[in-house]
Amino acid sequence: MRKKLRGAPRERLRYVGLHELGHVLGLCHESDAISSLTGRNAPSPGYEINWIPDVDKADHEKLWG
């Protein structure tokens, strides 16, 4: 993974960090929603997530109450 991210734009690195944090919190790749941090499809270049998407909030609530 490190080689794939070498030289990646800042927003891509931020997305990957948030994606992996979602896994730490118990979220998995169930959602295909582009707005999900742990969705199967990474956002297109230039797309920046700067909030916690509603789908991830709902999944977190189901897991942790």
PDB file of N, CA and C in Angstrom:
ATOM      1  N   MET A   1       0.833  -1.188   0.000  1.00  0.00           N
ATOM      2  CA  MET A   1       0.000   0.000   0.000  1.00  0.00           C
ATOM      3  C   MET A   1       0.873   1.245   0.000  1.00  0.00           C
ATOM      4  N   ARG A   2       1.971   1.229   0.717  1.00  0.00           N
ATOM      5  CA  ARG A   2       2.801   2.420   0.803  1.00  0.00           C
ATOM      6  C   ARG A   2       3.285   2.871  -0.568  1.00  0.00           C
ATOM      7  N   LYS A   3       3.684   1.928  -1.414  1.00  0.00           N
ATOM      8  CA  LYS A   3       4.151   2.282  -2.757  1.00  0.00           C
ATOM      9  C   LYS A   3       3.043   2.921  -3.576  1.00  0.00           C
ATOM     10  N   LYS A   4       1.798   2.442  -3.400  1.00  0.00           N
ATOM     11  CA  LYS A   4       0.674   2.998  -4.152  1.00  0.00           C
ATOM     12  C   LYS A   4       0.390   4.433  -3.756  1.00  0.00           C
ATOM     13  N   LEU A   5       0.698   4.776  -2.515  1.00  0.00           N
ATOM     14  CA  LEU A   5       0.390   6.122  -2.019  1.00  0.00           C
ATOM     15  C   LEU A   5       1.549   7.101  -2.150  1.00  0.00           C
ATOM     16  N   ARG A   6       2.717   6.601  -2.469  1.00  0.00           N
ATOM     17  CA  ARG A   6       3.879   7.494  -2.612  1.00  0.00           C
ATOM     18  C   ARG A   6       3.609   8.518  -3.703  1.00  0.00           C
ATOM     19  N   GLY A   7       3.686   9.785  -3.355  1.00  0.00           N
ATOM     20  CA  GLY A   7       3.462  10.862  -4.307  1.00  0.00           C
ATOM     21  C   GLY A   7       1.994  11.179  -4.555  1.00  0.00           C
ATOM     22  N   ALA A   8       1.101  10.531  -3.800  1.00  0.00           N
ATOM     23  CA  ALA A   8      -0.337  10.772  -3.991  1.00  0.00           C
ATOM     24  C   ALA A   8      -0.705  12.172  -3.516  1.00  0.00           C
ATOM     25  N   PRO A   9      -1.731  12.768  -4.101  1.00  0.00           N
ATOM     26  CA  PRO A   9      -2.176  14.091  -3.664  1.00  0.00           C
ATOM     27  C   PRO A   9      -2.667  14.051  -2.218  1.00  0.00           C
ATOM     28  N   ARG A  10      -2.612  15.172  -1.583  1.00  0.00           N
ATOM     29  CA  ARG A  10      -2.991  15.284  -0.172  1.00  0.00           C
ATOM     30  C   ARG A  10      -4.414  14.781   0.100  1.00  0.00           C
ATOM     31  N   GLU A  11      -5.376  15.126  -0.773  1.00  0.00           N
ATOM     32  CA  GLU A  11      -6.754  14.690  -0.526  1.00  0.00           C
ATOM     33  C   GLU A  11      -6.885  13.174  -0.589  1.00  0.00           C
ATOM     34  N   ARG A  12      -6.088  12.526  -1.445  1.00  0.00           N
ATOM     35  CA  ARG A  12      -6.101  11.056  -1.519  1.00  0.00           C
ATOM     36  C   ARG A  12      -5.557  10.448  -0.231  1.00  0.00           C
ATOM     37  N   LEU A  13      -4.473  11.000   0.291  1.00  0.00           N
ATOM     38  CA  LEU A  13      -3.907  10.505   1.542  1.00  0.00           C
ATOM     39  C   LEU A  13      -4.892  10.695   2.692  1.00  0.00           C
ATOM     40  N   ARG A  14      -5.570  11.821   2.698  1.00  0.00           N
ATOM     41  CA  ARG A  14      -6.557  12.083   3.744  1.00  0.00           C
ATOM     42  C   ARG A  14      -7.705  11.082   3.644  1.00  0.00           C
ATOM     43  N   TYR A  15      -8.184  10.841   2.438  1.00  0.00           N
ATOM     44  CA  TYR A  15      -9.260   9.874   2.250  1.00  0.00           C
ATOM     45  C   TYR A  15      -8.840   8.492   2.740  1.00  0.00           C
ATOM     46  N   VAL A  16      -7.656   8.047   2.379  1.00  0.00           N
ATOM     47  CA  VAL A  16      -7.189   6.720   2.790  1.00  0.00           C
ATOM     48  C   VAL A  16      -7.101   6.645   4.314  1.00  0.00           C
ATOM     49  N   GLY A  17      -6.595   7.697   4.937  1.00  0.00           N
ATOM     50  CA  GLY A  17      -6.526   7.727   6.396  1.00  0.00           C
ATOM     51  C   GLY A  17      -7.906   7.637   7.035  1.00  0.00           C
ATOM     52  N   LEU A  18      -8.867   8.400   6.513  1.00  0.00           N
ATOM     53  CA  LEU A  18     -10.229   8.359   7.039  1.00  0.00           C
ATOM     54  C   LEU A  18     -10.887   7.001   6.772  1.00  0.00           C
ATOM     55  N   HIS A  19     -10.614   6.446   5.602  1.00  0.00           N
ATOM     56  CA  HIS A  19     -11.144   5.127   5.249  1.00  0.00           C
ATOM     57  C   HIS A  19     -10.667   4.077   6.258  1.00  0.00           C
ATOM     58  N   GLU A  20      -9.391   4.071   6.532  1.00  0.00           N
ATOM     59  CA  GLU A  20      -8.831   3.094   7.471  1.00  0.00           C
ATOM     60  C   GLU A  20      -9.326   3.353   8.895  1.00  0.00           C
ATOM     61  N   LEU A  21      -9.504   4.607   9.266  1.00  0.00           N
ATOM     62  CA  LEU A  21     -10.074   4.931  10.577  1.00  0.00           C
ATOM     63  C   LEU A  21     -11.490   4.374  10.680  1.00  0.00           C
ATOM     64  N   GLY A  22     -12.241   4.434   9.605  1.00  0.00           N
ATOM     65  CA  GLY A  22     -13.571   3.828   9.594  1.00  0.00           C
ATOM     66  C   GLY A  22     -13.521   2.348   9.931  1.00  0.00           C
ATOM     67  N   HIS A  23     -12.511   1.649   9.414  1.00  0.00           N
ATOM     68  CA  HIS A  23     -12.351   0.230   9.737  1.00  0.00           C
ATOM     69  C   HIS A  23     -12.026   0.046  11.211  1.00  0.00           C
ATOM     70  N   VAL A  24     -11.194   0.897  11.757  1.00  0.00           N
ATOM     71  CA  VAL A  24     -10.852   0.819  13.184  1.00  0.00           C
ATOM     72  C   VAL A  24     -12.112   0.966  14.031  1.00  0.00           C
ATOM     73  N   LEU A  25     -13.042   1.797  13.582  1.00  0.00           N
ATOM     74  CA  LEU A  25     -14.290   2.022  14.306  1.00  0.00           C
ATOM     75  C   LEU A  25     -15.325   0.921  14.058  1.00  0.00           C
ATOM     76  N   GLY A  26     -14.982  -0.052  13.225  1.00  0.00           N
ATOM     77  CA  GLY A  26     -15.858  -1.196  13.006  1.00  0.00           C
ATOM     78  C   GLY A  26     -16.643  -1.174  11.714  1.00  0.00           C
ATOM     79  N   LEU A  27     -16.450  -0.166  10.880  1.00  0.00           N
ATOM     80  CA  LEU A  27     -17.170  -0.105   9.611  1.00  0.00           C
ATOM     81  C   LEU A  27     -16.481  -1.010   8.595  1.00  0.00           C
ATOM     82  N   CYS A  28     -17.276  -1.596   7.698  1.00  0.00           N
ATOM     83  CA  CYS A  28     -16.683  -2.473   6.682  1.00  0.00           C
ATOM     84  C   CYS A  28     -17.080  -1.984   5.297  1.00  0.00           C
ATOM     85  N   HIS A  29     -16.762  -2.740   4.291  1.00  0.00           N
ATOM     86  CA  HIS A  29     -16.998  -2.345   2.903  1.00  0.00           C
ATOM     87  C   HIS A  29     -18.407  -2.695   2.429  1.00  0.00           C
ATOM     88  N   GLU A  30     -19.397  -2.591   3.278  1.00  0.00           N
ATOM     89  CA  GLU A  30     -20.756  -2.962   2.884  1.00  0.00           C
ATOM     90  C   GLU A  30     -21.408  -1.941   1.976  1.00  0.00           C
ATOM     91  N   SER A  31     -21.079  -0.696   2.143  1.00  0.00           N
ATOM     92  CA  SER A  31     -21.759   0.351   1.388  1.00  0.00           C
ATOM     93  C   SER A  31     -21.066   0.618   0.061  1.00  0.00           C
ATOM     94  N   ASP A  32     -21.870   0.757  -0.982  1.00  0.00           N
ATOM     95  CA  ASP A  32     -21.349   1.147  -2.291  1.00  0.00           C
ATOM     96  C   ASP A  32     -21.500   2.647  -2.506  1.00  0.00           C
ATOM     97  N   ALA A  33     -22.029   3.331  -1.493  1.00  0.00           N
ATOM     98  CA  ALA A  33     -22.248   4.773  -1.613  1.00  0.00           C
ATOM     99  C   ALA A  33     -20.911   5.491  -1.738  1.00  0.00           C
ATOM    100  N   ILE A  34     -20.786   6.344  -2.707  1.00  0.00           N
ATOM    101  CA  ILE A  34     -19.540   7.088  -2.913  1.00  0.00           C
ATOM    102  C   ILE A  34     -19.245   7.979  -1.720  1.00  0.00           C
ATOM    103  N   SER A  35     -20.284   8.360  -0.985  1.00  0.00           N
ATOM    104  CA  SER A  35     -20.075   9.242   0.150  1.00  0.00           C
ATOM    105  C   SER A  35     -19.631   8.502   1.400  1.00  0.00           C
ATOM    106  N   SER A  36     -19.616   7.170   1.377  1.00  0.00           N
ATOM    107  CA  SER A  36     -19.186   6.409   2.538  1.00  0.00           C
ATOM    108  C   SER A  36     -17.664   6.384   2.622  1.00  0.00           C
ATOM    109  N   LEU A  37     -17.156   6.581   3.836  1.00  0.00           N
ATOM    110  CA  LEU A  37     -15.707   6.517   4.020  1.00  0.00           C
ATOM    111  C   LEU A  37     -15.161   5.130   3.713  1.00  0.00           C
ATOM    112  N   THR A  38     -15.953   4.118   3.985  1.00  0.00           N
ATOM    113  CA  THR A  38     -15.479   2.755   3.764  1.00  0.00           C
ATOM    114  C   THR A  38     -16.173   2.092   2.575  1.00  0.00           C
ATOM    115  N   GLY A  39     -16.686   2.890   1.659  1.00  0.00           N
ATOM    116  CA  GLY A  39     -17.289   2.343   0.450  1.00  0.00           C
ATOM    117  C   GLY A  39     -16.259   1.594  -0.381  1.00  0.00           C
ATOM    118  N   ARG A  40     -16.725   0.727  -1.227  1.00  0.00           N
ATOM    119  CA  ARG A  40     -15.816  -0.072  -2.062  1.00  0.00           C
ATOM    120  C   ARG A  40     -15.132   0.748  -3.140  1.00  0.00           C
ATOM    121  N   ASN A  41     -15.762   1.841  -3.517  1.00  0.00           N
ATOM    122  CA  ASN A  41     -15.225   2.659  -4.598  1.00  0.00           C
ATOM    123  C   ASN A  41     -14.623   3.941  -4.047  1.00  0.00           C
ATOM    124  N   ALA A  42     -13.370   4.143  -4.306  1.00  0.00           N
ATOM    125  CA  ALA A  42     -12.719   5.379  -3.872  1.00  0.00           C
ATOM    126  C   ALA A  42     -13.263   6.542  -4.689  1.00  0.00           C
ATOM    127  N   PRO A  43     -13.344   7.705  -4.084  1.00  0.00           N
ATOM    128  CA  PRO A  43     -13.832   8.868  -4.824  1.00  0.00           C
ATOM    129  C   PRO A  43     -12.878   9.258  -5.942  1.00  0.00           C
ATOM    130  N   SER A  44     -13.404   9.974  -6.902  1.00  0.00           N
ATOM    131  CA  SER A  44     -12.578  10.414  -8.022  1.00  0.00           C
ATOM    132  C   SER A  44     -11.556  11.442  -7.553  1.00  0.00           C
ATOM    133  N   PRO A  45     -10.461  11.598  -8.275  1.00  0.00           N
ATOM    134  CA  PRO A  45      -9.439  12.568  -7.895  1.00  0.00           C
ATOM    135  C   PRO A  45     -10.037  13.960  -7.717  1.00  0.00           C
ATOM    136  N   GLY A  46      -9.604  14.637  -6.684  1.00  0.00           N
ATOM    137  CA  GLY A  46     -10.092  15.977  -6.410  1.00  0.00           C
ATOM    138  C   GLY A  46     -11.274  16.006  -5.457  1.00  0.00           C
ATOM    139  N   TYR A  47     -11.916  14.835  -5.239  1.00  0.00           N
ATOM    140  CA  TYR A  47     -13.042  14.769  -4.317  1.00  0.00           C
ATOM    141  C   TYR A  47     -12.496  14.742  -2.897  1.00  0.00           C
ATOM    142  N   GLU A  48     -12.967  15.626  -2.065  1.00  0.00           N
ATOM    143  CA  GLU A  48     -12.447  15.695  -0.706  1.00  0.00           C
ATOM    144  C   GLU A  48     -13.571  15.501   0.302  1.00  0.00           C
ATOM    145  N   ILE A  49     -13.404  14.529   1.186  1.00  0.00           N
ATOM    146  CA  ILE A  49     -14.355  14.308   2.266  1.00  0.00           C
ATOM    147  C   ILE A  49     -13.885  15.132   3.454  1.00  0.00           C
ATOM    148  N   ASN A  50     -14.719  16.057   3.902  1.00  0.00           N
ATOM    149  CA  ASN A  50     -14.342  16.874   5.057  1.00  0.00           C
ATOM    150  C   ASN A  50     -15.439  16.847   6.120  1.00  0.00           C
ATOM    151  N   TRP A  51     -16.214  15.770   6.119  1.00  0.00           N
ATOM    152  CA  TRP A  51     -17.255  15.550   7.116  1.00  0.00           C
ATOM    153  C   TRP A  51     -17.448  14.048   7.243  1.00  0.00           C
ATOM    154  N   ILE A  52     -18.204  13.628   8.267  1.00  0.00           N
ATOM    155  CA  ILE A  52     -18.541  12.219   8.399  1.00  0.00           C
ATOM    156  C   ILE A  52     -19.874  12.011   7.671  1.00  0.00           C
ATOM    157  N   PRO A  53     -19.880  11.222   6.617  1.00  0.00           N
ATOM    158  CA  PRO A  53     -21.109  11.006   5.851  1.00  0.00           C
ATOM    159  C   PRO A  53     -22.218  10.376   6.698  1.00  0.00           C
ATOM    160  N   ASP A  54     -23.464  10.711   6.396  1.00  0.00           N
ATOM    161  CA  ASP A  54     -24.616  10.206   7.153  1.00  0.00           C
ATOM    162  C   ASP A  54     -24.671   8.685   7.170  1.00  0.00           C
ATOM    163  N   VAL A  55     -24.332   8.038   6.070  1.00  0.00           N
ATOM    164  CA  VAL A  55     -24.369   6.579   6.022  1.00  0.00           C
ATOM    165  C   VAL A  55     -23.392   5.987   7.036  1.00  0.00           C
ATOM    166  N   ASP A  56     -22.244   6.614   7.224  1.00  0.00           N
ATOM    167  CA  ASP A  56     -21.270   6.124   8.196  1.00  0.00           C
ATOM    168  C   ASP A  56     -21.711   6.430   9.625  1.00  0.00           C
ATOM    169  N   LYS A  57     -22.347   7.563   9.838  1.00  0.00           N
ATOM    170  CA  LYS A  57     -22.889   7.876  11.168  1.00  0.00           C
ATOM    171  C   LYS A  57     -23.930   6.835  11.570  1.00  0.00           C
ATOM    172  N   ALA A  58     -24.806   6.478  10.620  1.00  0.00           N
ATOM    173  CA  ALA A  58     -25.848   5.488  10.904  1.00  0.00           C
ATOM    174  C   ALA A  58     -25.231   4.121  11.213  1.00  0.00           C
ATOM    175  N   ASP A  59     -24.234   3.714  10.434  1.00  0.00           N
ATOM    176  CA  ASP A  59     -23.580   2.433  10.680  1.00  0.00           C
ATOM    177  C   ASP A  59     -22.863   2.435  12.025  1.00  0.00           C
ATOM    178  N   HIS A  60     -22.219   3.522  12.361  1.00  0.00           N
ATOM    179  CA  HIS A  60     -21.535   3.642  13.652  1.00  0.00           C
ATOM    180  C   HIS A  60     -22.548   3.546  14.786  1.00  0.00           C
ATOM    181  N   GLU A  61     -23.692   4.195  14.625  1.00  0.00           N
ATOM    182  CA  GLU A  61     -24.746   4.156  15.641  1.00  0.00           C
ATOM    183  C   GLU A  61     -25.247   2.730  15.846  1.00  0.00           C
ATOM    184  N   LYS A  62     -25.403   1.959  14.749  1.00  0.00           N
ATOM    185  CA  LYS A  62     -25.852   0.569  14.856  1.00  0.00           C
ATOM    186  C   LYS A  62     -24.849  -0.273  15.647  1.00  0.00           C
ATOM    187  N   LEU A  63     -23.562  -0.004  15.424  1.00  0.00           N
ATOM    188  CA  LEU A  63     -22.521  -0.790  16.081  1.00  0.00           C
ATOM    189  C   LEU A  63     -22.308  -0.405  17.542  1.00  0.00           C
ATOM    190  N   TRP A  64     -22.291   0.901  17.818  1.00  0.00           N
ATOM    191  CA  TRP A  64     -21.852   1.377  19.122  1.00  0.00           C
ATOM    192  C   TRP A  64     -22.933   2.073  19.952  1.00  0.00           C
ATOM    193  N   GLY A  65     -24.104   2.286  19.343  1.00  0.00           N
ATOM    194  CA  GLY A  65     -25.212   2.899  20.089  1.00  0.00           C
ATOM    195  C   GLY A  65     -25.121   4.381  20.296  1.00  0.00           C
TER     196      GLY A  65
END
